Amino acid sequence: MKFCSFCGQKNDDSAQFCGDCGKPFSTTKLDADLEYKKADLLLKKQKLELEAERQNNMAHCPRCGSTSLVANKKGFGVGKAVIGASLLGSIGLAAGGINSKKVWVTCLNCGKRFKL
């Protein structure tokens, strides 16, 4: 067993950091403070990388980068079906379904519309 020089907590001999306060075991207080700050910076860096990855995976406006978006799915177009039927007969009715599964997204920040 070894004791932490900062908080006095008992720890295993193989422990690199105190199980109670998280300070690293080192020969001097200065070395311990440096190791603790390095570990803290590494943890902050990892958190920032995870947040950046989460932001990159989120849908955003290509113009302003905002994530305030609203999506609308287009449905069967009756007007296209009528025109298609008049020009091509019954096969033209299928024209009403063209682009019916497209999703249009509108940015609530800048108003840009784009397809997904």
Protein backbone atom coordinates (compact mmCIF):
# COMPACT_ATOMS: atom_id res chain seq x y z
CA MET A 1 0.00 0.00 0.00
CA LYS A 2 1.06 3.54 -0.71
CA PHE A 3 -0.49 6.77 0.48
CA CYS A 4 -1.29 9.83 -1.61
CA SER A 5 0.87 12.80 -0.63
CA PHE A 6 -2.03 15.18 -1.41
CA CYS A 7 -5.07 13.62 0.29
CA GLY A 8 -3.58 10.74 2.34
CA GLN A 9 -5.79 8.06 0.77
CA LYS A 10 -4.52 4.44 0.69
CA ASN A 11 -3.83 3.07 -2.80
CA ASP A 12 -2.39 -0.10 -4.34
CA ASP A 13 1.34 -0.15 -4.98
CA SER A 14 0.68 -0.52 -8.73
CA ALA A 15 -1.60 2.55 -8.92
CA GLN A 16 -0.41 5.42 -11.09
CA PHE A 17 -3.06 7.88 -9.84
CA CYS A 18 -4.79 8.29 -6.49
CA GLY A 19 -8.19 6.59 -6.44
CA ASP A 20 -9.65 9.40 -4.33
CA CYS A 21 -8.30 12.74 -5.60
CA GLY A 22 -6.94 11.64 -9.02
CA LYS A 23 -3.48 13.12 -8.48
CA PRO A 24 -0.66 11.09 -10.04
CA PHE A 25 1.99 9.45 -7.87
CA SER A 26 5.32 11.12 -8.51
CA THR A 27 8.54 11.88 -6.69
CA THR A 28 7.95 15.60 -6.20
CA LYS A 29 4.92 17.82 -5.85
CA LEU A 30 5.97 19.79 -8.93
CA ASP A 31 6.18 16.60 -11.04
CA ALA A 32 2.81 15.50 -9.70
CA ASP A 33 1.22 18.85 -10.55
CA LEU A 34 2.63 18.70 -14.08
CA GLU A 35 1.36 15.14 -14.59
CA TYR A 36 -2.05 16.12 -13.24
CA LYS A 37 -2.24 19.12 -15.60
CA LYS A 38 -1.18 16.94 -18.56
CA ALA A 39 -3.86 14.39 -17.74
CA ASP A 40 -6.44 17.17 -17.34
CA LEU A 41 -5.49 18.73 -20.70
CA LEU A 42 -5.66 15.34 -22.41
CA LEU A 43 -9.15 14.78 -21.01
CA LYS A 44 -10.29 18.23 -22.17
CA LYS A 45 -8.84 17.58 -25.63
CA GLN A 46 -10.71 14.28 -25.88
CA LYS A 47 -13.96 15.97 -24.84
CA LEU A 48 -13.46 18.69 -27.47
CA GLU A 49 -12.76 16.09 -30.17
CA LEU A 50 -15.93 14.18 -29.25
CA GLU A 51 -17.97 17.38 -29.34
CA ALA A 52 -16.50 18.34 -32.74
CA GLU A 53 -17.30 14.87 -34.09
CA ARG A 54 -20.85 15.14 -32.77
CA GLN A 55 -21.25 18.56 -34.40
CA ASN A 56 -19.91 17.27 -37.75
CA ASN A 57 -22.41 14.38 -37.71
CA MET A 58 -25.32 16.76 -37.09
CA ALA A 59 -27.31 18.17 -40.00
CA HIS A 60 -26.50 21.82 -40.57
CA CYS A 61 -27.15 24.56 -43.09
CA PRO A 62 -24.53 24.69 -45.87
CA ARG A 63 -24.79 28.50 -46.01
CA CYS A 64 -24.66 29.62 -42.35
CA GLY A 65 -23.87 26.39 -40.45
CA SER A 66 -26.96 26.66 -38.23
CA THR A 67 -28.54 23.48 -36.85
CA SER A 68 -31.99 25.12 -36.58
CA LEU A 69 -33.61 23.29 -39.48
CA VAL A 70 -37.07 22.14 -40.49
CA ALA A 71 -37.64 19.32 -43.00
CA ASN A 72 -40.59 18.70 -45.31
CA LYS A 73 -41.15 15.60 -47.41
CA LYS A 74 -42.79 16.15 -50.75
CA GLY A 75 -45.80 14.00 -51.50
CA PHE A 76 -47.62 12.83 -54.63
CA GLY A 77 -48.01 15.77 -57.04
CA VAL A 78 -51.55 15.86 -58.43
CA GLY A 79 -50.68 18.58 -60.94
CA LYS A 80 -47.82 16.51 -62.38
CA ALA A 81 -50.08 13.46 -62.57
CA VAL A 82 -52.81 15.33 -64.46
CA ILE A 83 -50.36 16.79 -66.98
CA GLY A 84 -48.61 13.43 -67.35
CA ALA A 85 -51.94 11.66 -67.89
CA SER A 86 -53.04 14.19 -70.51
CA LEU A 87 -49.75 13.90 -72.42
CA LEU A 88 -48.93 10.22 -72.00
CA GLY A 89 -52.19 8.59 -70.93
CA SER A 90 -52.42 6.29 -67.95
CA ILE A 91 -48.64 5.83 -67.79
CA GLY A 92 -48.32 9.58 -67.24
CA LEU A 93 -50.14 9.24 -63.91
CA ALA A 94 -46.85 7.90 -62.52
CA ALA A 95 -45.38 11.36 -63.11
CA GLY A 96 -47.15 12.50 -59.94
CA GLY A 97 -44.75 10.36 -57.94
CA ILE A 98 -41.59 11.94 -59.36
CA ASN A 99 -39.52 13.42 -56.52
CA SER A 100 -42.23 12.41 -54.02
CA LYS A 101 -39.64 10.93 -51.65
CA LYS A 102 -37.31 13.94 -51.67
CA VAL A 103 -36.86 15.80 -48.41
CA TRP A 104 -36.50 19.56 -48.53
CA VAL A 105 -34.84 21.24 -45.57
CA THR A 106 -35.26 24.91 -44.70
CA CYS A 107 -32.82 26.73 -42.43
CA LEU A 108 -34.68 28.72 -39.79
CA ASN A 109 -31.70 31.06 -39.40
CA CYS A 110 -31.04 32.23 -42.98
CA GLY A 111 -33.96 30.73 -44.97
CA LYS A 112 -31.85 28.62 -47.37
CA ARG A 113 -33.67 25.60 -48.82
CA PHE A 114 -31.76 22.47 -49.79
CA LYS A 115 -32.38 18.78 -50.48
CA LEU A 116 -31.14 15.89 -48.38
